[in-house]
Protein backbone atom coordinates (compact mmCIF):
# COMPACT_ATOMS: atom_id res chain seq x y z
CA MET A 1 32.05 -49.29 55.38
CA VAL A 2 29.92 -49.59 52.25
CA ALA A 3 29.01 -53.12 51.11
CA LEU A 4 27.96 -52.22 47.54
CA VAL A 5 30.65 -50.44 45.52
CA PHE A 6 30.19 -49.74 41.80
CA THR A 7 32.72 -48.53 39.23
CA ALA A 8 32.45 -46.27 36.18
CA SER A 9 30.96 -49.22 34.27
CA VAL A 10 27.55 -48.38 35.79
CA CYS A 11 27.46 -44.95 34.14
CA GLY A 12 24.59 -44.94 31.67
CA ASN A 13 23.00 -47.98 33.29
CA ILE A 14 20.47 -49.06 35.91
CA ILE A 15 21.58 -50.42 39.29
CA ASP A 16 19.48 -52.18 41.92
CA VAL A 17 20.18 -51.45 45.58
CA PRO A 18 18.40 -52.11 48.87
CA ALA A 19 16.58 -49.08 50.28
CA ASN A 20 18.18 -47.41 53.33
CA THR A 21 21.51 -49.14 52.64
CA PRO A 22 24.57 -47.06 51.70
CA PHE A 23 26.21 -47.78 48.35
CA ALA A 24 29.11 -46.12 46.54
CA VAL A 25 30.32 -45.21 43.07
CA GLU A 26 34.08 -45.00 42.48
CA LEU A 27 35.42 -42.86 39.64
CA GLU A 28 38.94 -41.84 38.58
CA GLU A 29 39.82 -38.25 39.42
CA ASN A 30 42.87 -36.00 39.49
CA PRO A 31 41.95 -32.97 41.62
CA THR A 32 45.34 -31.32 41.10
CA THR A 33 44.11 -30.47 37.57
CA GLY A 34 41.11 -28.68 39.07
CA TYR A 35 38.64 -31.28 37.78
CA ARG A 36 36.48 -32.93 40.41
CA TRP A 37 33.40 -35.15 40.38
CA ASP A 38 30.19 -33.48 41.50
CA PHE A 39 26.87 -35.34 41.80
CA GLU A 40 23.25 -34.26 41.98
CA ALA A 41 20.54 -36.71 43.03
CA ASP A 42 16.76 -36.84 42.84
CA PRO A 43 14.87 -36.20 46.09
CA GLY A 44 14.85 -39.39 48.16
CA LEU A 45 18.43 -40.23 47.22
CA GLU A 46 21.06 -38.53 49.32
CA VAL A 47 24.81 -38.06 49.08
CA VAL A 48 26.23 -39.47 52.31
CA ALA A 49 29.95 -38.82 51.77
CA SER A 50 32.58 -38.05 49.14
CA VAL A 51 36.16 -39.20 49.72
CA TYR A 52 39.23 -38.88 47.47
CA THR A 53 42.03 -41.46 47.74
CA PRO A 54 45.32 -40.84 45.89
CA ALA A 55 46.57 -43.75 43.76
CA GLN A 56 50.00 -43.55 45.42
CA PRO A 57 50.24 -41.75 48.75
CA GLY A 58 52.70 -38.88 48.53
CA GLY A 59 52.62 -38.82 44.71
CA ALA A 60 52.11 -35.11 44.06
CA GLY A 61 50.14 -34.42 40.90
CA GLY A 62 49.03 -38.01 40.48
CA GLY A 63 45.46 -39.15 40.11
CA GLY A 64 43.36 -41.34 42.31
CA VAL A 65 39.79 -42.41 42.97
CA ARG A 66 36.78 -40.43 44.18
CA GLN A 67 34.30 -42.56 46.12
CA VAL A 68 30.87 -40.97 46.41
CA GLN A 69 28.50 -42.67 48.84
CA PHE A 70 24.72 -42.51 48.50
CA ARG A 71 21.63 -43.85 50.24
CA ALA A 72 18.06 -44.21 48.96
CA ASN A 73 15.78 -43.21 51.83
CA GLY A 74 13.03 -45.55 50.66
CA PRO A 75 11.97 -47.67 47.72
CA GLY A 76 11.65 -46.09 44.28
CA GLN A 77 13.54 -45.13 41.15
CA PHE A 78 15.97 -42.24 41.26
CA ALA A 79 18.42 -40.48 38.94
CA LEU A 80 22.04 -39.67 39.77
CA ARG A 81 23.79 -37.10 37.59
CA GLY A 82 27.52 -36.61 37.92
CA LYS A 83 30.02 -34.48 36.06
CA LEU A 84 33.78 -34.11 36.15
CA TRP A 85 34.34 -30.37 35.95
CA ARG A 86 35.99 -27.23 37.22
CA SER A 87 33.05 -25.78 39.13
CA TRP A 88 34.40 -22.22 39.16
CA THR A 89 34.54 -22.04 35.34
CA GLY A 90 30.96 -23.19 34.71
CA GLU A 91 29.13 -25.89 32.77
CA GLN A 92 31.36 -25.62 29.69
CA SER A 93 34.24 -27.08 31.72
CA SER A 94 32.54 -30.49 32.10
CA ILE A 95 34.75 -33.15 30.48
CA LYS A 96 32.93 -36.33 31.58
CA THR A 97 29.48 -37.24 32.81
CA CYS A 98 28.04 -40.20 34.68
CA GLU A 99 24.28 -40.71 34.79
CA ILE A 100 22.90 -43.67 36.74
CA THR A 101 19.35 -44.84 37.32
CA VAL A 102 19.01 -46.26 40.84
CA ARG A 103 16.20 -48.69 41.66
CA ALA A 104 15.82 -49.12 45.40
CA SER A 105 13.65 -51.85 46.89
């Protein structure tokens, strides 16, 4: 379980987290459309897990929430860059972005 969970409101902002402690970002997603969140992180910040939870179990075609879990492996400042896209169609398919500066102490 992750103690620190952030929402889309942190996109474009700076967050402070303890080093070596998992934290998560939750963003709306509807994978049935082909669009999925994909994150890249600076070295020293790792993606621990990515889990999709439908808004209503059994609701075909409905949206839900993608929770991406990260961990800073030590103190420092790191960048997270996320995009909601159809990876097989390339960069031009990106419809949303989420960039976060992570300060770990």
